[in-house]
Amino acid sequence: MGLRLTSGIDFARNDPFFDGDGAEKKLRQTLDDRLLEWNGQTLKATPVGRRILNRVLYELFG
């Protein structure tokens, strides 16, 4: 639910998400598509990403 907030969520490089196979590639794709923004500490959805956030989350975790 935190990605629905404009402030985003704490999401550091050592997050367990990165242990998953292909996780970094999936994240990079959403960043390249400008659906998410990440400064190395905070991950948040862009305005466009928020409109299709269910799909973005599916791509990352589904």
N, C-alpha and C. Protein backbone atom coordinates (compact mmCIF):
# COMPACT_ATOMS: atom_id res chain seq x y z
N MET A 1 0.82 -1.20 0.00
CA MET A 1 0.00 0.00 0.00
C MET A 1 0.86 1.26 0.00
N GLY A 2 2.08 1.17 0.46
CA GLY A 2 2.93 2.35 0.55
C GLY A 2 3.22 3.01 -0.79
N LEU A 3 3.22 2.23 -1.86
CA LEU A 3 3.48 2.83 -3.16
C LEU A 3 2.32 3.68 -3.65
N ARG A 4 1.18 3.57 -3.01
CA ARG A 4 0.05 4.43 -3.37
C ARG A 4 0.21 5.82 -2.77
N LEU A 5 1.12 5.96 -1.80
CA LEU A 5 1.40 7.25 -1.18
C LEU A 5 2.41 8.01 -2.03
N THR A 6 2.27 9.33 -2.11
CA THR A 6 3.23 10.11 -2.89
C THR A 6 4.61 10.09 -2.27
N SER A 7 4.70 9.82 -0.97
CA SER A 7 6.00 9.76 -0.30
C SER A 7 6.73 8.44 -0.57
N GLY A 8 6.02 7.41 -1.01
CA GLY A 8 6.63 6.13 -1.32
C GLY A 8 6.95 5.31 -0.09
N ILE A 9 7.89 4.36 -0.26
CA ILE A 9 8.28 3.45 0.82
C ILE A 9 9.79 3.40 0.94
N ASP A 10 10.28 3.05 2.13
CA ASP A 10 11.70 2.80 2.32
C ASP A 10 12.04 1.52 1.56
N PHE A 11 13.08 1.61 0.73
CA PHE A 11 13.42 0.47 -0.12
C PHE A 11 14.90 0.55 -0.43
N ALA A 12 15.70 -0.02 0.42
CA ALA A 12 17.15 0.04 0.26
C ALA A 12 17.66 -1.12 -0.59
N ARG A 13 18.88 -0.99 -1.04
CA ARG A 13 19.51 -2.00 -1.91
C ARG A 13 19.59 -3.36 -1.23
N ASN A 14 19.61 -3.40 0.10
CA ASN A 14 19.71 -4.67 0.81
C ASN A 14 18.35 -5.27 1.14
N ASP A 15 17.28 -4.76 0.54
CA ASP A 15 15.94 -5.30 0.76
C ASP A 15 15.87 -6.74 0.25
N PRO A 16 15.15 -7.61 0.95
CA PRO A 16 15.02 -9.01 0.51
C PRO A 16 14.45 -9.16 -0.90
N PHE A 17 13.77 -8.15 -1.42
CA PHE A 17 13.25 -8.18 -2.78
C PHE A 17 14.35 -8.55 -3.78
N PHE A 18 15.56 -8.04 -3.54
CA PHE A 18 16.65 -8.24 -4.48
C PHE A 18 17.20 -9.66 -4.46
N ASP A 19 16.78 -10.47 -3.50
CA ASP A 19 17.20 -11.87 -3.46
C ASP A 19 16.49 -12.71 -4.51
N GLY A 20 15.35 -12.23 -5.00
CA GLY A 20 14.56 -12.98 -5.98
C GLY A 20 15.23 -13.02 -7.35
N ASP A 21 15.00 -14.10 -8.04
CA ASP A 21 15.56 -14.29 -9.38
C ASP A 21 14.96 -13.29 -10.34
N GLY A 22 15.77 -12.47 -10.95
CA GLY A 22 15.31 -11.50 -11.93
C GLY A 22 14.67 -10.25 -11.34
N ALA A 23 14.70 -10.12 -10.02
CA ALA A 23 14.04 -9.00 -9.36
C ALA A 23 14.64 -7.66 -9.80
N GLU A 24 15.94 -7.60 -9.86
CA GLU A 24 16.58 -6.33 -10.23
C GLU A 24 16.22 -5.93 -11.66
N LYS A 25 16.14 -6.89 -12.55
CA LYS A 25 15.76 -6.61 -13.93
C LYS A 25 14.33 -6.07 -14.01
N LYS A 26 13.42 -6.66 -13.23
CA LYS A 26 12.04 -6.20 -13.21
C LYS A 26 11.96 -4.77 -12.69
N LEU A 27 12.70 -4.49 -11.62
CA LEU A 27 12.70 -3.14 -11.07
C LEU A 27 13.28 -2.16 -12.08
N ARG A 28 14.38 -2.52 -12.71
CA ARG A 28 15.02 -1.64 -13.69
C ARG A 28 14.04 -1.32 -14.82
N GLN A 29 13.27 -2.30 -15.26
CA GLN A 29 12.31 -2.07 -16.34
C GLN A 29 11.26 -1.05 -15.94
N THR A 30 10.72 -1.16 -14.72
CA THR A 30 9.71 -0.20 -14.28
C THR A 30 10.31 1.20 -14.11
N LEU A 31 11.58 1.25 -13.72
CA LEU A 31 12.25 2.55 -13.62
C LEU A 31 12.48 3.14 -15.01
N ASP A 32 12.95 2.30 -15.93
CA ASP A 32 13.18 2.76 -17.31
C ASP A 32 11.89 3.22 -17.98
N ASP A 33 10.79 2.57 -17.63
CA ASP A 33 9.48 2.94 -18.19
C ASP A 33 8.88 4.15 -17.48
N ARG A 34 9.59 4.66 -16.50
CA ARG A 34 9.17 5.83 -15.70
C ARG A 34 7.85 5.61 -14.98
N LEU A 35 7.68 4.37 -14.51
CA LEU A 35 6.50 4.04 -13.72
C LEU A 35 6.81 4.15 -12.22
N LEU A 36 8.08 3.94 -11.89
CA LEU A 36 8.56 4.09 -10.52
C LEU A 36 9.79 4.97 -10.51
N GLU A 37 10.04 5.58 -9.36
CA GLU A 37 11.27 6.36 -9.12
C GLU A 37 11.94 5.76 -7.90
N TRP A 38 13.27 5.70 -7.92
CA TRP A 38 14.02 5.15 -6.80
C TRP A 38 15.32 5.91 -6.64
N ASN A 39 15.58 6.40 -5.44
CA ASN A 39 16.81 7.14 -5.19
C ASN A 39 17.82 6.32 -4.39
N GLY A 40 17.61 5.01 -4.34
CA GLY A 40 18.48 4.14 -3.58
C GLY A 40 17.99 3.92 -2.16
N GLN A 41 17.06 4.73 -1.71
CA GLN A 41 16.49 4.62 -0.36
C GLN A 41 14.97 4.54 -0.40
N THR A 42 14.35 5.36 -1.26
CA THR A 42 12.90 5.46 -1.32
C THR A 42 12.40 5.08 -2.70
N LEU A 43 11.41 4.23 -2.73
CA LEU A 43 10.78 3.81 -3.98
C LEU A 43 9.38 4.40 -3.99
N LYS A 44 9.04 5.06 -5.09
CA LYS A 44 7.69 5.62 -5.20
C LYS A 44 7.22 5.56 -6.64
N ALA A 45 5.92 5.53 -6.78
CA ALA A 45 5.30 5.50 -8.10
C ALA A 45 5.27 6.91 -8.67
N THR A 46 5.49 7.01 -9.95
CA THR A 46 5.34 8.28 -10.64
C THR A 46 3.84 8.52 -10.84
N PRO A 47 3.45 9.71 -11.26
CA PRO A 47 2.02 9.94 -11.53
C PRO A 47 1.44 8.92 -12.53
N VAL A 48 2.19 8.61 -13.56
CA VAL A 48 1.74 7.61 -14.54
C VAL A 48 1.69 6.23 -13.88
N GLY A 49 2.70 5.89 -13.11
CA GLY A 49 2.75 4.60 -12.44
C GLY A 49 1.62 4.41 -11.45
N ARG A 50 1.22 5.48 -10.77
CA ARG A 50 0.11 5.38 -9.81
C ARG A 50 -1.20 5.04 -10.52
N ARG A 51 -1.36 5.52 -11.73
CA ARG A 51 -2.61 5.23 -12.46
C ARG A 51 -2.74 3.76 -12.83
N ILE A 52 -1.61 3.09 -13.01
CA ILE A 52 -1.64 1.66 -13.36
C ILE A 52 -0.87 0.83 -12.33
N LEU A 53 -0.94 1.27 -11.08
CA LEU A 53 -0.12 0.65 -10.04
C LEU A 53 -0.39 -0.83 -9.85
N ASN A 54 -1.62 -1.26 -9.97
CA ASN A 54 -1.90 -2.69 -9.84
C ASN A 54 -1.09 -3.50 -10.85
N ARG A 55 -1.00 -3.01 -12.06
CA ARG A 55 -0.23 -3.71 -13.10
C ARG A 55 1.27 -3.66 -12.79
N VAL A 56 1.74 -2.51 -12.32
CA VAL A 56 3.16 -2.37 -11.96
C VAL A 56 3.51 -3.37 -10.86
N LEU A 57 2.68 -3.46 -9.84
CA LEU A 57 2.93 -4.39 -8.74
C LEU A 57 2.90 -5.84 -9.22
N TYR A 58 2.01 -6.14 -10.13
CA TYR A 58 1.95 -7.48 -10.70
C TYR A 58 3.26 -7.80 -11.43
N GLU A 59 3.77 -6.85 -12.18
CA GLU A 59 5.01 -7.06 -12.92
C GLU A 59 6.19 -7.30 -11.97
N LEU A 60 6.19 -6.60 -10.85
CA LEU A 60 7.28 -6.75 -9.89
C LEU A 60 7.18 -8.03 -9.06
N PHE A 61 5.99 -8.33 -8.58
CA PHE A 61 5.84 -9.39 -7.59
C PHE A 61 5.01 -10.57 -8.05
N GLY A 62 4.32 -10.44 -9.19
CA GLY A 62 3.42 -11.49 -9.65
C GLY A 62 4.08 -12.65 -10.30
